[in-house]
Amino acid sequence: MAKTILAVDDSASIRQMVSFTLKSAGYDVIEAVDGMDGLEKAKVKNADLVLSDQNMPRMDGLTLIRNLRGLAHYKTVPILMLTTESSDAMKSQGRAAGATGWLVKPFDPQKLIEVVRKVIG
């Protein structure tokens, strides 16, 4: 059974690239347009991994992570940030919120697949 990845990003083109990349590697992908949408979809279907942008309307990535970590299923699910934010301060805020790892946009599709495989197989 394919692993499910929740991809949360307000950019349609990034969501499409992430979705295409992960689906072609054999993963199921649920797309969400922002943190609120991501949180709602996470409550409906359990994901094996969450990939989230940081800067989004309605709810940003760090707030999404904090909310997900409060849900029983997502206490141990890997959450990767995929964002243009690359400062050490932002990364440490991400770790404090519960992020498992950090990828910087623009991303290399092959590297994304490698990281995802390393984290969830």
N, C-alpha and C. Protein backbone atom coordinates (compact mmCIF):
# COMPACT_ATOMS: atom_id res chain seq x y z
N MET A 1 0.83 -1.19 0.00
CA MET A 1 0.00 0.00 0.00
C MET A 1 0.88 1.25 0.00
N ALA A 2 0.55 2.18 -0.86
CA ALA A 2 1.36 3.39 -1.00
C ALA A 2 1.24 4.27 0.24
N LYS A 3 2.34 4.91 0.59
CA LYS A 3 2.34 5.86 1.71
C LYS A 3 1.69 7.15 1.24
N THR A 4 1.01 7.82 2.16
CA THR A 4 0.30 9.05 1.84
C THR A 4 1.05 10.26 2.36
N ILE A 5 1.20 11.25 1.49
CA ILE A 5 1.89 12.49 1.85
C ILE A 5 0.93 13.66 1.71
N LEU A 6 0.86 14.48 2.74
CA LEU A 6 0.05 15.69 2.71
C LEU A 6 0.97 16.83 2.31
N ALA A 7 0.70 17.45 1.15
CA ALA A 7 1.51 18.56 0.64
C ALA A 7 0.73 19.86 0.81
N VAL A 8 1.27 20.77 1.63
CA VAL A 8 0.57 22.01 1.96
C VAL A 8 1.38 23.20 1.43
N ASP A 9 0.80 23.91 0.46
CA ASP A 9 1.49 25.08 -0.12
C ASP A 9 0.44 25.95 -0.81
N ASP A 10 0.55 27.26 -0.63
CA ASP A 10 -0.43 28.16 -1.26
C ASP A 10 -0.13 28.39 -2.74
N SER A 11 1.03 27.96 -3.21
CA SER A 11 1.37 28.10 -4.62
C SER A 11 0.93 26.86 -5.40
N ALA A 12 -0.02 27.07 -6.33
CA ALA A 12 -0.53 25.95 -7.13
C ALA A 12 0.58 25.27 -7.91
N SER A 13 1.51 26.06 -8.46
CA SER A 13 2.59 25.46 -9.27
C SER A 13 3.51 24.60 -8.41
N ILE A 14 3.81 25.04 -7.20
CA ILE A 14 4.66 24.24 -6.31
C ILE A 14 3.91 22.96 -5.92
N ARG A 15 2.63 23.09 -5.56
CA ARG A 15 1.83 21.89 -5.23
C ARG A 15 1.84 20.90 -6.38
N GLN A 16 1.67 21.40 -7.60
CA GLN A 16 1.65 20.51 -8.77
C GLN A 16 3.00 19.82 -8.95
N MET A 17 4.09 20.57 -8.80
CA MET A 17 5.43 19.97 -8.95
C MET A 17 5.68 18.92 -7.87
N VAL A 18 5.35 19.25 -6.63
CA VAL A 18 5.55 18.32 -5.52
C VAL A 18 4.71 17.07 -5.74
N SER A 19 3.43 17.28 -6.08
CA SER A 19 2.50 16.17 -6.29
C SER A 19 2.98 15.27 -7.43
N PHE A 20 3.33 15.86 -8.55
CA PHE A 20 3.81 15.10 -9.71
C PHE A 20 5.06 14.29 -9.34
N THR A 21 6.01 14.95 -8.66
CA THR A 21 7.27 14.30 -8.28
C THR A 21 7.00 13.10 -7.37
N LEU A 22 6.17 13.31 -6.35
CA LEU A 22 5.92 12.24 -5.38
C LEU A 22 5.05 11.12 -5.94
N LYS A 23 4.05 11.48 -6.76
CA LYS A 23 3.21 10.45 -7.37
C LYS A 23 4.02 9.58 -8.31
N SER A 24 4.95 10.20 -9.05
CA SER A 24 5.76 9.42 -9.98
C SER A 24 6.72 8.49 -9.23
N ALA A 25 6.95 8.77 -7.94
CA ALA A 25 7.80 7.90 -7.11
C ALA A 25 6.96 6.87 -6.36
N GLY A 26 5.64 6.87 -6.61
CA GLY A 26 4.78 5.84 -6.04
C GLY A 26 4.03 6.22 -4.77
N TYR A 27 4.03 7.49 -4.41
CA TYR A 27 3.32 7.92 -3.21
C TYR A 27 1.94 8.46 -3.56
N ASP A 28 1.01 8.35 -2.61
CA ASP A 28 -0.29 9.02 -2.73
C ASP A 28 -0.10 10.42 -2.18
N VAL A 29 -0.71 11.42 -2.82
CA VAL A 29 -0.54 12.80 -2.37
C VAL A 29 -1.90 13.46 -2.15
N ILE A 30 -2.03 14.11 -1.00
CA ILE A 30 -3.20 14.94 -0.71
C ILE A 30 -2.69 16.37 -0.75
N GLU A 31 -3.34 17.23 -1.53
CA GLU A 31 -2.91 18.62 -1.64
C GLU A 31 -3.78 19.52 -0.78
N ALA A 32 -3.15 20.50 -0.14
CA ALA A 32 -3.87 21.50 0.65
C ALA A 32 -3.35 22.88 0.28
N VAL A 33 -4.26 23.87 0.23
CA VAL A 33 -3.90 25.21 -0.26
C VAL A 33 -3.31 26.14 0.79
N ASP A 34 -3.45 25.80 2.07
CA ASP A 34 -2.83 26.59 3.14
C ASP A 34 -2.88 25.77 4.43
N GLY A 35 -2.38 26.34 5.52
CA GLY A 35 -2.32 25.61 6.77
C GLY A 35 -3.69 25.16 7.29
N MET A 36 -4.70 26.03 7.17
CA MET A 36 -6.06 25.67 7.62
C MET A 36 -6.57 24.46 6.85
N ASP A 37 -6.44 24.52 5.52
CA ASP A 37 -6.88 23.44 4.65
C ASP A 37 -6.09 22.16 5.00
N GLY A 38 -4.80 22.32 5.22
CA GLY A 38 -3.95 21.18 5.57
C GLY A 38 -4.38 20.52 6.87
N LEU A 39 -4.68 21.34 7.87
CA LEU A 39 -5.11 20.81 9.17
C LEU A 39 -6.44 20.07 9.03
N GLU A 40 -7.37 20.65 8.27
CA GLU A 40 -8.67 19.99 8.05
C GLU A 40 -8.49 18.65 7.35
N LYS A 41 -7.66 18.62 6.31
CA LYS A 41 -7.44 17.37 5.56
C LYS A 41 -6.69 16.34 6.40
N ALA A 42 -5.77 16.81 7.26
CA ALA A 42 -5.02 15.91 8.14
C ALA A 42 -5.94 15.21 9.13
N LYS A 43 -7.00 15.89 9.54
CA LYS A 43 -7.95 15.31 10.49
C LYS A 43 -8.84 14.27 9.81
N VAL A 44 -9.07 14.42 8.50
CA VAL A 44 -9.94 13.50 7.75
C VAL A 44 -9.19 12.23 7.35
N LYS A 45 -7.95 12.38 6.89
CA LYS A 45 -7.17 11.22 6.43
C LYS A 45 -5.77 11.31 7.01
N ASN A 46 -5.34 10.25 7.69
CA ASN A 46 -4.00 10.23 8.27
C ASN A 46 -2.94 10.13 7.20
N ALA A 47 -1.97 11.04 7.25
CA ALA A 47 -0.85 11.01 6.31
C ALA A 47 0.36 10.37 6.99
N ASP A 48 1.26 9.82 6.17
CA ASP A 48 2.49 9.22 6.69
C ASP A 48 3.61 10.25 6.77
N LEU A 49 3.41 11.38 6.07
CA LEU A 49 4.40 12.47 6.05
C LEU A 49 3.65 13.76 5.67
N VAL A 50 4.09 14.86 6.26
CA VAL A 50 3.53 16.17 5.89
C VAL A 50 4.67 17.02 5.35
N LEU A 51 4.42 17.64 4.19
CA LEU A 51 5.36 18.60 3.59
C LEU A 51 4.65 19.94 3.61
N SER A 52 5.24 20.95 4.24
CA SER A 52 4.53 22.23 4.35
C SER A 52 5.42 23.41 4.03
N ASP A 53 4.82 24.38 3.37
CA ASP A 53 5.43 25.68 3.15
C ASP A 53 5.35 26.44 4.48
N GLN A 54 6.09 27.53 4.61
CA GLN A 54 5.99 28.36 5.81
C GLN A 54 5.02 29.52 5.59
N ASN A 55 5.26 30.33 4.57
CA ASN A 55 4.49 31.56 4.37
C ASN A 55 3.23 31.30 3.55
N MET A 56 2.09 31.23 4.26
CA MET A 56 0.80 30.98 3.61
C MET A 56 -0.27 31.82 4.29
N PRO A 57 -1.35 32.13 3.54
CA PRO A 57 -2.47 32.86 4.16
C PRO A 57 -3.22 31.96 5.13
N ARG A 58 -4.01 32.54 5.99
CA ARG A 58 -4.87 31.86 6.97
C ARG A 58 -4.12 31.12 8.07
N MET A 59 -3.12 30.33 7.75
CA MET A 59 -2.31 29.66 8.78
C MET A 59 -0.95 29.32 8.19
N ASP A 60 0.12 29.79 8.84
CA ASP A 60 1.48 29.52 8.32
C ASP A 60 1.94 28.12 8.72
N GLY A 61 3.10 27.75 8.18
CA GLY A 61 3.62 26.40 8.40
C GLY A 61 3.93 26.06 9.84
N LEU A 62 4.53 26.99 10.58
CA LEU A 62 4.88 26.71 11.97
C LEU A 62 3.62 26.51 12.82
N THR A 63 2.60 27.31 12.57
CA THR A 63 1.34 27.16 13.30
C THR A 63 0.70 25.82 12.95
N LEU A 64 0.77 25.44 11.67
CA LEU A 64 0.25 24.15 11.23
C LEU A 64 0.96 23.02 11.98
N ILE A 65 2.29 23.09 12.05
CA ILE A 65 3.06 22.04 12.73
C ILE A 65 2.63 21.93 14.19
N ARG A 66 2.53 23.07 14.87
CA ARG A 66 2.13 23.04 16.29
C ARG A 66 0.75 22.38 16.44
N ASN A 67 -0.19 22.73 15.55
CA ASN A 67 -1.52 22.14 15.60
C ASN A 67 -1.50 20.64 15.31
N LEU A 68 -0.71 20.23 14.30
CA LEU A 68 -0.61 18.81 13.97
C LEU A 68 -0.01 18.01 15.13
N ARG A 69 1.02 18.56 15.75
CA ARG A 69 1.68 17.86 16.86
C ARG A 69 0.73 17.67 18.04
N GLY A 70 -0.34 18.46 18.09
CA GLY A 70 -1.34 18.31 19.14
C GLY A 70 -2.33 17.19 18.87
N LEU A 71 -2.32 16.64 17.67
CA LEU A 71 -3.22 15.54 17.30
C LEU A 71 -2.50 14.21 17.55
N ALA A 72 -3.22 13.24 18.11
CA ALA A 72 -2.61 11.96 18.47
C ALA A 72 -1.81 11.33 17.33
N HIS A 73 -2.41 11.22 16.13
CA HIS A 73 -1.73 10.55 15.02
C HIS A 73 -0.46 11.27 14.59
N TYR A 74 -0.44 12.59 14.71
CA TYR A 74 0.68 13.37 14.16
C TYR A 74 1.79 13.67 15.17
N LYS A 75 1.71 13.08 16.37
CA LYS A 75 2.78 13.30 17.36
C LYS A 75 4.12 12.78 16.84
N THR A 76 4.08 11.68 16.07
CA THR A 76 5.34 11.06 15.60
C THR A 76 5.50 11.07 14.08
N VAL A 77 4.51 11.60 13.36
CA VAL A 77 4.60 11.63 11.89
C VAL A 77 5.66 12.66 11.48
N PRO A 78 6.55 12.30 10.54
CA PRO A 78 7.55 13.27 10.08
C PRO A 78 6.88 14.46 9.38
N ILE A 79 7.36 15.66 9.70
CA ILE A 79 6.87 16.88 9.06
C ILE A 79 8.08 17.63 8.51
N LEU A 80 8.10 17.80 7.20
CA LEU A 80 9.20 18.52 6.54
C LEU A 80 8.71 19.88 6.06
N MET A 81 9.50 20.90 6.31
CA MET A 81 9.20 22.23 5.78
C MET A 81 9.83 22.32 4.39
N LEU A 82 9.07 22.81 3.43
CA LEU A 82 9.56 23.05 2.07
C LEU A 82 9.27 24.52 1.80
N THR A 83 10.29 25.36 1.93
CA THR A 83 10.04 26.80 1.96
C THR A 83 11.22 27.59 1.41
N THR A 84 10.99 28.85 1.12
CA THR A 84 12.08 29.73 0.69
C THR A 84 12.85 30.24 1.91
N GLU A 85 12.27 30.07 3.09
CA GLU A 85 12.92 30.53 4.34
C GLU A 85 14.11 29.62 4.65
N SER A 86 15.29 30.22 4.80
CA SER A 86 16.45 29.37 5.07
C SER A 86 17.32 29.89 6.21
N SER A 87 16.85 30.90 6.94
CA SER A 87 17.66 31.44 8.04
C SER A 87 17.74 30.45 9.19
N ASP A 88 18.84 30.50 9.93
CA ASP A 88 19.01 29.61 11.08
C ASP A 88 17.92 29.86 12.12
N ALA A 89 17.53 31.13 12.28
CA ALA A 89 16.49 31.47 13.26
C ALA A 89 15.18 30.79 12.89
N MET A 90 14.82 30.83 11.61
CA MET A 90 13.57 30.20 11.17
C MET A 90 13.65 28.69 11.33
N LYS A 91 14.82 28.12 11.01
CA LYS A 91 14.97 26.66 11.16
C LYS A 91 14.86 26.25 12.62
N SER A 92 15.42 27.05 13.53
CA SER A 92 15.32 26.67 14.94
C SER A 92 13.89 26.84 15.44
N GLN A 93 13.15 27.82 14.91
CA GLN A 93 11.72 27.94 15.25
C GLN A 93 10.97 26.70 14.74
N GLY A 94 11.36 26.24 13.56
CA GLY A 94 10.76 25.05 12.99
C GLY A 94 11.00 23.82 13.85
N ARG A 95 12.25 23.65 14.30
CA ARG A 95 12.57 22.52 15.18
C ARG A 95 11.78 22.61 16.48
N ALA A 96 11.70 23.81 17.03
CA ALA A 96 10.97 24.02 18.29
C ALA A 96 9.48 23.68 18.12
N ALA A 97 8.93 23.98 16.94
CA ALA A 97 7.52 23.70 16.67
C ALA A 97 7.29 22.21 16.44
N GLY A 98 8.35 21.48 16.05
CA GLY A 98 8.21 20.05 15.83
C GLY A 98 8.55 19.57 14.43
N ALA A 99 9.15 20.45 13.61
CA ALA A 99 9.53 20.04 12.26
C ALA A 99 10.62 18.98 12.32
N THR A 100 10.54 17.99 11.44
CA THR A 100 11.52 16.91 11.37
C THR A 100 12.72 17.34 10.52
N GLY A 101 12.45 18.10 9.45
CA GLY A 101 13.51 18.52 8.55
C GLY A 101 13.11 19.75 7.77
N TRP A 102 14.06 20.24 6.95
CA TRP A 102 13.90 21.50 6.25
C TRP A 102 14.45 21.38 4.84
N LEU A 103 13.64 21.69 3.83
CA LEU A 103 14.08 21.72 2.44
C LEU A 103 13.83 23.13 1.91
N VAL A 104 14.79 23.65 1.14
CA VAL A 104 14.65 25.01 0.64
C VAL A 104 14.24 25.00 -0.83
N LYS A 105 13.27 25.86 -1.16
CA LYS A 105 12.83 26.05 -2.56
C LYS A 105 13.83 26.98 -3.24
N PRO A 106 14.00 26.87 -4.53
CA PRO A 106 13.40 25.83 -5.37
C PRO A 106 14.03 24.47 -5.05
N PHE A 107 13.23 23.41 -5.13
CA PHE A 107 13.74 22.09 -4.75
C PHE A 107 14.11 21.27 -5.99
N ASP A 108 15.06 20.36 -5.77
CA ASP A 108 15.45 19.41 -6.81
C ASP A 108 14.55 18.18 -6.61
N PRO A 109 13.74 17.84 -7.62
CA PRO A 109 12.81 16.70 -7.47
C PRO A 109 13.48 15.42 -6.99
N GLN A 110 14.68 15.12 -7.50
CA GLN A 110 15.38 13.90 -7.09
C GLN A 110 15.76 13.96 -5.62
N LYS A 111 16.18 15.14 -5.15
CA LYS A 111 16.56 15.30 -3.75
C LYS A 111 15.32 15.17 -2.86
N LEU A 112 14.19 15.72 -3.33
CA LEU A 112 12.95 15.60 -2.56
C LEU A 112 12.59 14.12 -2.36
N ILE A 113 12.66 13.34 -3.44
CA ILE A 113 12.35 11.91 -3.36
C ILE A 113 13.32 11.21 -2.41
N GLU A 114 14.61 11.54 -2.50
CA GLU A 114 15.61 10.93 -1.62
C GLU A 114 15.30 11.20 -0.16
N VAL A 115 14.98 12.46 0.16
CA VAL A 115 14.68 12.83 1.54
C VAL A 115 13.43 12.12 2.03
N VAL A 116 12.38 12.10 1.20
CA VAL A 116 11.13 11.43 1.57
C VAL A 116 11.37 9.94 1.81
N ARG A 117 12.13 9.29 0.93
CA ARG A 117 12.43 7.86 1.10
C ARG A 117 13.21 7.62 2.39
N LYS A 118 14.14 8.52 2.70
CA LYS A 118 14.94 8.37 3.89
C LYS A 118 14.05 8.47 5.14
N VAL A 119 13.05 9.36 5.08
CA VAL A 119 12.20 9.61 6.23
C VAL A 119 11.08 8.59 6.41
N ILE A 120 10.42 8.17 5.30
CA ILE A 120 9.29 7.23 5.43
C ILE A 120 9.40 5.95 4.61
N GLY A 121 10.49 5.81 3.86
CA GLY A 121 10.68 4.58 3.09
C GLY A 121 9.95 4.56 1.76
